[in-house]
Amino acid sequence: MTTATLHRTARLIASVFCLLLAAAPASAQSGEHLEAIHHPGYDPTISMPFVPAIKVKSGKLLWLSGGTALPVYHDHPHRRDQIVKYLPNDLEGQVRQTMDGIMATLKAAGGSPRDVVHLFIFRARPRIGDIGRASAVVNSYFAPFNHKPTTTNLAVLELGEPEQLVEIQVVAVVD
């Protein structure tokens, strides 16, 4: 599968997801925007970093641009000195820097990690165990809020720069 095909597939998934969220009924209850959905009889002792679905009860959709380990505001075209400084060959480090930028953008929009509905996590140059390492860092941003957003975690052939190991896109619901 080519990178272009993967990107088209990801855009299609995102479009379908947006249409599903837009069709969700809005009914506010106690100020909460989201409701975690579980199957009848699910076993809460099974450790899962995400929930099967989240129902949007109120609020407005917030689509964050794909975040990387580069600062949210950086030069385009990318400058080599920024690439070398912010994109080390360290998956967990890049995920942490990416999530820090995402959290700053959420805050600027009046949101918090509790408002995140879905994360699209794209990992380049995948190795065995990467999904667990990346997920552990991402989940650490939601654990203090006892919130588990839905996720899609994809391994791709390449991202915007050869040194880039991760890109994360977030969908949230805010007032």
N, C-alpha and C. Protein backbone atom coordinates (compact mmCIF):
# COMPACT_ATOMS: atom_id res chain seq x y z
N MET A 1 0.85 -1.17 0.00
CA MET A 1 0.00 0.00 0.00
C MET A 1 0.90 1.23 0.00
N THR A 2 0.63 2.18 -0.89
CA THR A 2 1.46 3.37 -0.99
C THR A 2 1.09 4.39 0.09
N THR A 3 2.00 5.34 0.31
CA THR A 3 1.73 6.40 1.28
C THR A 3 0.51 7.20 0.87
N ALA A 4 0.38 7.49 -0.42
CA ALA A 4 -0.78 8.25 -0.90
C ALA A 4 -2.07 7.50 -0.60
N THR A 5 -2.07 6.18 -0.79
CA THR A 5 -3.25 5.38 -0.49
C THR A 5 -3.55 5.40 1.00
N LEU A 6 -2.52 5.31 1.84
CA LEU A 6 -2.72 5.38 3.29
C LEU A 6 -3.30 6.72 3.71
N HIS A 7 -2.78 7.80 3.12
CA HIS A 7 -3.30 9.12 3.45
C HIS A 7 -4.76 9.28 3.00
N ARG A 8 -5.08 8.76 1.80
CA ARG A 8 -6.47 8.81 1.33
C ARG A 8 -7.37 8.01 2.25
N THR A 9 -6.90 6.83 2.68
CA THR A 9 -7.68 6.00 3.59
C THR A 9 -7.90 6.71 4.92
N ALA A 10 -6.86 7.33 5.45
CA ALA A 10 -6.99 8.06 6.72
C ALA A 10 -7.98 9.22 6.57
N ARG A 11 -7.92 9.94 5.44
CA ARG A 11 -8.87 11.05 5.22
C ARG A 11 -10.29 10.52 5.12
N LEU A 12 -10.47 9.37 4.48
CA LEU A 12 -11.80 8.77 4.37
C LEU A 12 -12.31 8.39 5.75
N ILE A 13 -11.46 7.77 6.56
CA ILE A 13 -11.86 7.40 7.93
C ILE A 13 -12.25 8.64 8.70
N ALA A 14 -11.45 9.68 8.60
CA ALA A 14 -11.74 10.93 9.32
C ALA A 14 -13.06 11.54 8.84
N SER A 15 -13.32 11.50 7.53
CA SER A 15 -14.57 12.06 6.99
C SER A 15 -15.78 11.28 7.49
N VAL A 16 -15.69 9.96 7.47
CA VAL A 16 -16.80 9.14 7.96
C VAL A 16 -17.02 9.40 9.44
N PHE A 17 -15.94 9.49 10.19
CA PHE A 17 -16.04 9.76 11.63
C PHE A 17 -16.73 11.10 11.87
N CYS A 18 -16.37 12.10 11.08
CA CYS A 18 -16.98 13.43 11.22
C CYS A 18 -18.48 13.37 10.93
N LEU A 19 -18.86 12.64 9.89
CA LEU A 19 -20.28 12.52 9.55
C LEU A 19 -21.05 11.81 10.68
N LEU A 20 -20.45 10.78 11.25
CA LEU A 20 -21.10 10.08 12.36
C LEU A 20 -21.27 11.00 13.57
N LEU A 21 -20.24 11.79 13.88
CA LEU A 21 -20.35 12.70 15.01
C LEU A 21 -21.39 13.78 14.75
N ALA A 22 -21.44 14.28 13.53
CA ALA A 22 -22.40 15.33 13.20
C ALA A 22 -23.83 14.83 13.32
N ALA A 23 -24.03 13.54 13.08
CA ALA A 23 -25.37 12.96 13.17
C ALA A 23 -25.77 12.58 14.59
N ALA A 24 -24.83 12.66 15.53
CA ALA A 24 -25.12 12.26 16.91
C ALA A 24 -26.09 13.24 17.56
N PRO A 25 -27.06 12.74 18.35
CA PRO A 25 -28.00 13.64 19.02
C PRO A 25 -27.29 14.45 20.09
N ALA A 26 -27.72 15.68 20.30
CA ALA A 26 -27.12 16.53 21.32
C ALA A 26 -28.09 16.71 22.47
N SER A 27 -27.73 16.21 23.65
CA SER A 27 -28.56 16.41 24.83
C SER A 27 -27.64 16.52 26.03
N ALA A 28 -27.47 17.74 26.53
CA ALA A 28 -26.51 17.99 27.61
C ALA A 28 -26.99 17.39 28.92
N GLN A 29 -26.09 16.80 29.66
CA GLN A 29 -26.37 16.28 31.00
C GLN A 29 -25.21 16.65 31.90
N SER A 30 -25.47 17.34 32.96
CA SER A 30 -24.51 17.74 33.98
C SER A 30 -23.21 18.29 33.41
N GLY A 31 -23.30 19.06 32.32
CA GLY A 31 -22.13 19.73 31.77
C GLY A 31 -21.15 18.83 31.04
N GLU A 32 -21.36 17.56 30.99
CA GLU A 32 -20.45 16.65 30.30
C GLU A 32 -20.83 16.59 28.82
N HIS A 33 -19.81 16.58 27.96
CA HIS A 33 -20.04 16.53 26.52
C HIS A 33 -20.10 15.10 25.98
N LEU A 34 -19.44 14.19 26.67
CA LEU A 34 -19.22 12.86 26.11
C LEU A 34 -19.69 11.76 27.04
N GLU A 35 -20.05 10.65 26.43
CA GLU A 35 -20.44 9.47 27.21
C GLU A 35 -19.72 8.25 26.63
N ALA A 36 -18.96 7.55 27.46
CA ALA A 36 -18.29 6.32 27.03
C ALA A 36 -19.34 5.24 26.82
N ILE A 37 -19.21 4.51 25.74
CA ILE A 37 -20.16 3.44 25.40
C ILE A 37 -19.44 2.10 25.54
N HIS A 38 -20.07 1.19 26.27
CA HIS A 38 -19.54 -0.17 26.44
C HIS A 38 -20.62 -1.17 26.06
N HIS A 39 -20.21 -2.35 25.67
CA HIS A 39 -21.13 -3.43 25.35
C HIS A 39 -21.76 -3.95 26.64
N PRO A 40 -22.99 -4.46 26.56
CA PRO A 40 -23.61 -5.06 27.75
C PRO A 40 -22.72 -6.20 28.26
N GLY A 41 -22.54 -6.25 29.57
CA GLY A 41 -21.77 -7.32 30.17
C GLY A 41 -20.27 -7.25 29.95
N TYR A 42 -19.74 -6.07 29.54
CA TYR A 42 -18.29 -5.99 29.33
C TYR A 42 -17.56 -6.18 30.66
N ASP A 43 -16.35 -6.67 30.58
CA ASP A 43 -15.55 -6.97 31.77
C ASP A 43 -14.60 -5.80 32.05
N PRO A 44 -14.90 -4.96 33.04
CA PRO A 44 -14.05 -3.80 33.32
C PRO A 44 -12.67 -4.16 33.87
N THR A 45 -12.42 -5.43 34.18
CA THR A 45 -11.10 -5.81 34.66
C THR A 45 -10.10 -5.99 33.51
N ILE A 46 -10.60 -6.01 32.27
CA ILE A 46 -9.71 -6.10 31.11
C ILE A 46 -9.11 -4.71 30.89
N SER A 47 -7.79 -4.64 30.82
CA SER A 47 -7.09 -3.36 30.68
C SER A 47 -7.11 -2.91 29.23
N MET A 48 -7.82 -1.82 28.97
CA MET A 48 -7.91 -1.26 27.62
C MET A 48 -7.57 0.23 27.68
N PRO A 49 -6.72 0.73 26.77
CA PRO A 49 -6.38 2.15 26.80
C PRO A 49 -7.41 3.03 26.08
N PHE A 50 -8.48 2.42 25.56
CA PHE A 50 -9.51 3.16 24.84
C PHE A 50 -10.86 2.51 25.09
N VAL A 51 -11.93 3.20 24.72
CA VAL A 51 -13.28 2.64 24.81
C VAL A 51 -13.76 2.32 23.40
N PRO A 52 -14.75 1.42 23.25
CA PRO A 52 -15.23 1.06 21.92
C PRO A 52 -15.87 2.23 21.18
N ALA A 53 -16.56 3.12 21.92
CA ALA A 53 -17.23 4.25 21.28
C ALA A 53 -17.45 5.35 22.30
N ILE A 54 -17.63 6.56 21.80
CA ILE A 54 -17.97 7.70 22.63
C ILE A 54 -19.14 8.41 21.98
N LYS A 55 -20.19 8.64 22.76
CA LYS A 55 -21.36 9.36 22.27
C LYS A 55 -21.17 10.84 22.58
N VAL A 56 -21.37 11.69 21.58
CA VAL A 56 -21.30 13.13 21.77
C VAL A 56 -22.70 13.59 22.17
N LYS A 57 -22.80 14.16 23.38
CA LYS A 57 -24.10 14.59 23.90
C LYS A 57 -24.33 16.08 23.72
N SER A 58 -23.27 16.87 23.60
CA SER A 58 -23.40 18.31 23.44
C SER A 58 -22.07 18.88 22.99
N GLY A 59 -22.05 20.18 22.72
CA GLY A 59 -20.81 20.85 22.36
C GLY A 59 -20.60 20.98 20.87
N LYS A 60 -19.40 21.43 20.52
CA LYS A 60 -19.02 21.67 19.12
C LYS A 60 -17.76 20.88 18.81
N LEU A 61 -17.70 20.37 17.59
CA LEU A 61 -16.53 19.61 17.17
C LEU A 61 -15.32 20.52 17.01
N LEU A 62 -14.18 20.04 17.46
CA LEU A 62 -12.91 20.73 17.31
C LEU A 62 -11.96 19.74 16.66
N TRP A 63 -11.51 20.07 15.45
CA TRP A 63 -10.56 19.22 14.73
C TRP A 63 -9.19 19.87 14.84
N LEU A 64 -8.25 19.20 15.46
CA LEU A 64 -6.89 19.71 15.55
C LEU A 64 -6.10 19.24 14.34
N SER A 65 -5.26 20.12 13.82
CA SER A 65 -4.36 19.72 12.74
C SER A 65 -3.44 18.63 13.24
N GLY A 66 -2.94 17.83 12.32
CA GLY A 66 -2.00 16.79 12.71
C GLY A 66 -0.82 17.40 13.43
N GLY A 67 -0.56 16.93 14.65
CA GLY A 67 0.55 17.44 15.44
C GLY A 67 1.77 16.56 15.31
N THR A 68 2.93 17.19 15.38
CA THR A 68 4.20 16.47 15.34
C THR A 68 5.05 16.95 16.50
N ALA A 69 6.26 16.43 16.60
CA ALA A 69 7.18 16.85 17.65
C ALA A 69 7.74 18.24 17.40
N LEU A 70 7.55 18.76 16.19
CA LEU A 70 7.95 20.14 15.92
C LEU A 70 7.04 21.07 16.73
N PRO A 71 7.50 22.27 17.08
CA PRO A 71 6.62 23.19 17.78
C PRO A 71 5.35 23.43 16.94
N VAL A 72 4.24 23.76 17.59
CA VAL A 72 2.99 24.00 16.87
C VAL A 72 3.21 25.03 15.77
N TYR A 73 3.92 26.11 16.10
CA TYR A 73 4.25 27.14 15.11
C TYR A 73 5.70 26.95 14.71
N HIS A 74 5.90 26.49 13.49
CA HIS A 74 7.25 26.29 12.97
C HIS A 74 7.28 26.69 11.50
N ASP A 75 8.48 26.88 10.98
CA ASP A 75 8.64 27.36 9.61
C ASP A 75 8.23 26.31 8.58
N HIS A 76 7.65 26.83 7.49
CA HIS A 76 7.34 26.01 6.31
C HIS A 76 7.89 26.75 5.10
N PRO A 77 8.65 26.13 4.26
CA PRO A 77 9.08 24.74 4.40
C PRO A 77 9.92 24.57 5.67
N HIS A 78 9.97 23.33 6.12
CA HIS A 78 10.72 23.03 7.34
C HIS A 78 12.19 23.41 7.19
N ARG A 79 12.75 23.88 8.30
CA ARG A 79 14.17 24.22 8.32
C ARG A 79 14.94 23.06 8.93
N ARG A 80 16.08 22.76 8.34
CA ARG A 80 16.90 21.64 8.76
C ARG A 80 17.26 21.73 10.25
N ASP A 81 17.59 22.94 10.75
CA ASP A 81 17.99 23.07 12.15
C ASP A 81 16.83 22.72 13.08
N GLN A 82 15.59 23.02 12.68
CA GLN A 82 14.43 22.66 13.50
C GLN A 82 14.21 21.15 13.48
N ILE A 83 14.39 20.56 12.31
CA ILE A 83 14.23 19.10 12.17
C ILE A 83 15.19 18.39 13.13
N VAL A 84 16.45 18.78 13.08
CA VAL A 84 17.48 18.13 13.90
C VAL A 84 17.19 18.36 15.39
N LYS A 85 16.74 19.56 15.75
CA LYS A 85 16.50 19.89 17.15
C LYS A 85 15.28 19.18 17.73
N TYR A 86 14.19 19.12 16.98
CA TYR A 86 12.92 18.64 17.52
C TYR A 86 12.52 17.22 17.12
N LEU A 87 13.22 16.62 16.18
CA LEU A 87 12.85 15.27 15.74
C LEU A 87 13.97 14.27 16.01
N PRO A 88 14.24 14.00 17.29
CA PRO A 88 15.27 13.00 17.60
C PRO A 88 14.76 11.61 17.24
N ASN A 89 15.67 10.66 17.11
CA ASN A 89 15.28 9.28 16.80
C ASN A 89 14.83 8.60 18.09
N ASP A 90 13.71 9.09 18.65
CA ASP A 90 13.19 8.63 19.94
C ASP A 90 11.67 8.71 19.87
N LEU A 91 11.03 7.57 19.67
CA LEU A 91 9.58 7.54 19.49
C LEU A 91 8.86 8.15 20.69
N GLU A 92 9.19 7.70 21.90
CA GLU A 92 8.50 8.22 23.08
C GLU A 92 8.70 9.72 23.23
N GLY A 93 9.92 10.21 22.97
CA GLY A 93 10.20 11.63 23.04
C GLY A 93 9.38 12.43 22.04
N GLN A 94 9.30 11.92 20.80
CA GLN A 94 8.50 12.62 19.79
C GLN A 94 7.02 12.59 20.15
N VAL A 95 6.52 11.48 20.67
CA VAL A 95 5.11 11.40 21.07
C VAL A 95 4.84 12.40 22.19
N ARG A 96 5.73 12.48 23.16
CA ARG A 96 5.57 13.42 24.28
C ARG A 96 5.53 14.87 23.78
N GLN A 97 6.48 15.24 22.93
CA GLN A 97 6.50 16.60 22.37
C GLN A 97 5.23 16.87 21.56
N THR A 98 4.79 15.88 20.81
CA THR A 98 3.57 16.02 20.02
C THR A 98 2.36 16.23 20.93
N MET A 99 2.25 15.41 21.96
CA MET A 99 1.11 15.53 22.88
C MET A 99 1.15 16.85 23.65
N ASP A 100 2.34 17.36 23.99
CA ASP A 100 2.44 18.66 24.65
C ASP A 100 1.85 19.75 23.76
N GLY A 101 2.17 19.71 22.47
CA GLY A 101 1.61 20.68 21.52
C GLY A 101 0.11 20.54 21.39
N ILE A 102 -0.38 19.30 21.36
CA ILE A 102 -1.82 19.04 21.27
C ILE A 102 -2.53 19.58 22.51
N MET A 103 -1.97 19.34 23.67
CA MET A 103 -2.58 19.84 24.92
C MET A 103 -2.63 21.36 24.94
N ALA A 104 -1.58 22.02 24.43
CA ALA A 104 -1.58 23.49 24.36
C ALA A 104 -2.66 23.99 23.42
N THR A 105 -2.86 23.30 22.29
CA THR A 105 -3.90 23.69 21.34
C THR A 105 -5.28 23.46 21.93
N LEU A 106 -5.48 22.34 22.61
CA LEU A 106 -6.76 22.08 23.29
C LEU A 106 -7.07 23.19 24.28
N LYS A 107 -6.08 23.56 25.08
CA LYS A 107 -6.26 24.61 26.08
C LYS A 107 -6.61 25.94 25.41
N ALA A 108 -5.93 26.26 24.31
CA ALA A 108 -6.21 27.50 23.58
C ALA A 108 -7.64 27.54 23.05
N ALA A 109 -8.21 26.35 22.79
CA ALA A 109 -9.59 26.25 22.29
C ALA A 109 -10.59 26.16 23.43
N GLY A 110 -10.12 26.24 24.67
CA GLY A 110 -11.03 26.13 25.82
C GLY A 110 -11.35 24.69 26.19
N GLY A 111 -10.54 23.75 25.72
CA GLY A 111 -10.79 22.34 26.00
C GLY A 111 -9.75 21.75 26.93
N SER A 112 -9.91 20.47 27.20
CA SER A 112 -8.98 19.72 28.05
C SER A 112 -8.92 18.29 27.52
N PRO A 113 -8.03 17.49 28.06
CA PRO A 113 -7.97 16.09 27.63
C PRO A 113 -9.31 15.36 27.77
N ARG A 114 -10.14 15.76 28.72
CA ARG A 114 -11.46 15.12 28.90
C ARG A 114 -12.38 15.34 27.70
N ASP A 115 -12.08 16.32 26.86
CA ASP A 115 -12.92 16.65 25.72
C ASP A 115 -12.53 15.89 24.45
N VAL A 116 -11.45 15.13 24.50
CA VAL A 116 -10.97 14.42 23.31
C VAL A 116 -11.85 13.21 23.03
N VAL A 117 -12.33 13.14 21.80
CA VAL A 117 -13.17 12.03 21.36
C VAL A 117 -12.32 10.97 20.68
N HIS A 118 -11.41 11.39 19.81
CA HIS A 118 -10.66 10.42 19.01
C HIS A 118 -9.27 10.93 18.69
N LEU A 119 -8.33 10.00 18.65
CA LEU A 119 -6.96 10.30 18.20
C LEU A 119 -6.63 9.38 17.03
N PHE A 120 -6.07 9.98 15.98
CA PHE A 120 -5.50 9.23 14.87
C PHE A 120 -3.99 9.30 15.08
N ILE A 121 -3.35 8.17 15.35
CA ILE A 121 -1.92 8.14 15.63
C ILE A 121 -1.23 7.45 14.45
N PHE A 122 -0.38 8.22 13.76
CA PHE A 122 0.35 7.69 12.61
C PHE A 122 1.81 7.53 13.04
N ARG A 123 2.35 6.30 12.92
CA ARG A 123 3.73 6.02 13.29
C ARG A 123 4.50 5.59 12.05
N ALA A 124 5.67 6.20 11.83
CA ALA A 124 6.52 5.83 10.70
C ALA A 124 7.66 4.94 11.20
N ARG A 125 8.27 4.22 10.28
CA ARG A 125 9.37 3.30 10.59
C ARG A 125 9.01 2.38 11.76
N PRO A 126 7.88 1.68 11.70
CA PRO A 126 7.42 0.88 12.84
C PRO A 126 8.35 -0.28 13.17
N ARG A 127 8.44 -0.51 14.47
CA ARG A 127 9.19 -1.66 14.99
C ARG A 127 8.28 -2.39 15.97
N ILE A 128 8.59 -3.63 16.23
CA ILE A 128 7.81 -4.41 17.19
C ILE A 128 7.81 -3.69 18.53
N GLY A 129 6.63 -3.53 19.11
CA GLY A 129 6.49 -2.88 20.40
C GLY A 129 6.21 -1.38 20.33
N ASP A 130 6.34 -0.78 19.15
CA ASP A 130 6.12 0.67 19.02
C ASP A 130 4.71 1.08 19.40
N ILE A 131 3.71 0.28 19.02
CA ILE A 131 2.33 0.67 19.32
C ILE A 131 2.13 0.78 20.83
N GLY A 132 2.72 -0.14 21.59
CA GLY A 132 2.61 -0.10 23.04
C GLY A 132 3.35 1.09 23.64
N ARG A 133 4.56 1.37 23.13
CA ARG A 133 5.33 2.50 23.65
C ARG A 133 4.65 3.82 23.35
N ALA A 134 4.15 3.98 22.13
CA ALA A 134 3.46 5.23 21.77
C ALA A 134 2.17 5.36 22.56
N SER A 135 1.42 4.28 22.68
CA SER A 135 0.15 4.32 23.41
C SER A 135 0.35 4.64 24.88
N ALA A 136 1.41 4.14 25.49
CA ALA A 136 1.67 4.42 26.90
C ALA A 136 1.88 5.91 27.13
N VAL A 137 2.62 6.56 26.24
CA VAL A 137 2.83 8.00 26.38
C VAL A 137 1.52 8.75 26.16
N VAL A 138 0.81 8.42 25.10
CA VAL A 138 -0.48 9.10 24.81
C VAL A 138 -1.43 8.91 25.99
N ASN A 139 -1.56 7.69 26.48
CA ASN A 139 -2.51 7.41 27.57
C ASN A 139 -2.16 8.16 28.85
N SER A 140 -0.89 8.46 29.06
CA SER A 140 -0.48 9.18 30.27
C SER A 140 -1.09 10.59 30.33
N TYR A 141 -1.46 11.14 29.20
CA TYR A 141 -2.07 12.47 29.16
C TYR A 141 -3.55 12.42 29.55
N PHE A 142 -4.16 11.25 29.47
CA PHE A 142 -5.59 11.11 29.77
C PHE A 142 -5.86 10.43 31.11
N ALA A 143 -4.89 9.67 31.61
CA ALA A 143 -5.07 8.92 32.86
C ALA A 143 -5.47 9.80 34.04
N PRO A 144 -4.87 11.00 34.23
CA PRO A 144 -5.28 11.82 35.39
C PRO A 144 -6.75 12.23 35.35
N PHE A 145 -7.36 12.18 34.17
CA PHE A 145 -8.76 12.56 34.00
C PHE A 145 -9.67 11.34 33.96
N ASN A 146 -9.07 10.15 34.11
CA ASN A 146 -9.82 8.90 34.01
C ASN A 146 -10.65 8.88 32.72
N HIS A 147 -10.01 9.31 31.63
CA HIS A 147 -10.68 9.42 30.33
C HIS A 147 -9.93 8.57 29.31
N LYS A 148 -10.68 7.81 28.54
CA LYS A 148 -10.10 6.99 27.49
C LYS A 148 -10.78 7.32 26.17
N PRO A 149 -10.14 8.14 25.33
CA PRO A 149 -10.75 8.43 24.03
C PRO A 149 -10.65 7.22 23.10
N THR A 150 -11.38 7.26 22.01
CA THR A 150 -11.23 6.22 20.99
C THR A 150 -9.96 6.54 20.21
N THR A 151 -9.36 5.52 19.62
CA THR A 151 -8.11 5.72 18.89
C THR A 151 -8.06 4.89 17.62
N THR A 152 -7.28 5.39 16.68
CA THR A 152 -6.88 4.62 15.50
C THR A 152 -5.38 4.75 15.45
N ASN A 153 -4.65 3.64 15.47
CA ASN A 153 -3.20 3.65 15.53
C ASN A 153 -2.68 2.96 14.27
N LEU A 154 -2.01 3.73 13.41
CA LEU A 154 -1.58 3.22 12.12
C LEU A 154 -0.08 3.29 11.95
N ALA A 155 0.49 2.29 11.33
CA ALA A 155 1.89 2.32 10.91
C ALA A 155 1.90 2.73 9.44
N VAL A 156 2.68 3.74 9.11
CA VAL A 156 2.75 4.24 7.74
C VAL A 156 4.19 4.19 7.25
N LEU A 157 4.36 4.25 5.94
CA LEU A 157 5.70 4.17 5.37
C LEU A 157 6.51 5.42 5.65
N GLU A 158 5.88 6.58 5.56
CA GLU A 158 6.62 7.82 5.80
C GLU A 158 5.66 8.92 6.20
N LEU A 159 6.22 9.93 6.86
CA LEU A 159 5.46 11.12 7.25
C LEU A 159 6.13 12.31 6.56
N GLY A 160 5.94 13.51 7.08
CA GLY A 160 6.42 14.71 6.40
C GLY A 160 7.92 14.84 6.26
N GLU A 161 8.67 14.30 7.20
CA GLU A 161 10.13 14.37 7.18
C GLU A 161 10.69 12.98 7.48
N PRO A 162 11.87 12.64 6.93
CA PRO A 162 12.43 11.31 7.19
C PRO A 162 12.65 11.04 8.68
N GLU A 163 12.94 12.07 9.48
CA GLU A 163 13.20 11.89 10.91
C GLU A 163 11.91 11.81 11.73
N GLN A 164 10.79 12.15 11.12
CA GLN A 164 9.51 12.19 11.84
C GLN A 164 9.01 10.78 12.08
N LEU A 165 8.79 10.45 13.36
CA LEU A 165 8.33 9.11 13.74
C LEU A 165 6.85 9.05 14.05
N VAL A 166 6.20 10.21 14.30
CA VAL A 166 4.80 10.20 14.70
C VAL A 166 4.10 11.48 14.26
N GLU A 167 2.83 11.34 13.95
CA GLU A 167 1.93 12.47 13.75
C GLU A 167 0.60 12.06 14.37
N ILE A 168 0.00 12.98 15.12
CA ILE A 168 -1.25 12.66 15.80
C ILE A 168 -2.28 13.73 15.47
N GLN A 169 -3.45 13.28 15.04
CA GLN A 169 -4.57 14.18 14.79
C GLN A 169 -5.62 13.90 15.85
N VAL A 170 -6.23 14.96 16.35
CA VAL A 170 -7.20 14.83 17.45
C VAL A 170 -8.52 15.46 17.07
N VAL A 171 -9.61 14.81 17.50
CA VAL A 171 -10.95 15.35 17.40
C VAL A 171 -11.46 15.49 18.84
N ALA A 172 -11.98 16.67 19.17
CA ALA A 172 -12.50 16.92 20.51
C ALA A 172 -13.87 17.59 20.39
N VAL A 173 -14.57 17.66 21.52
CA VAL A 173 -15.84 18.35 21.58
C VAL A 173 -15.73 19.37 22.72
N VAL A 174 -15.96 20.63 22.39
CA VAL A 174 -15.83 21.71 23.37
C VAL A 174 -17.10 22.58 23.33
N ASP A 175 -17.23 23.46 24.33
CA ASP A 175 -18.35 24.42 24.31
C ASP A 175 -18.10 25.50 23.30
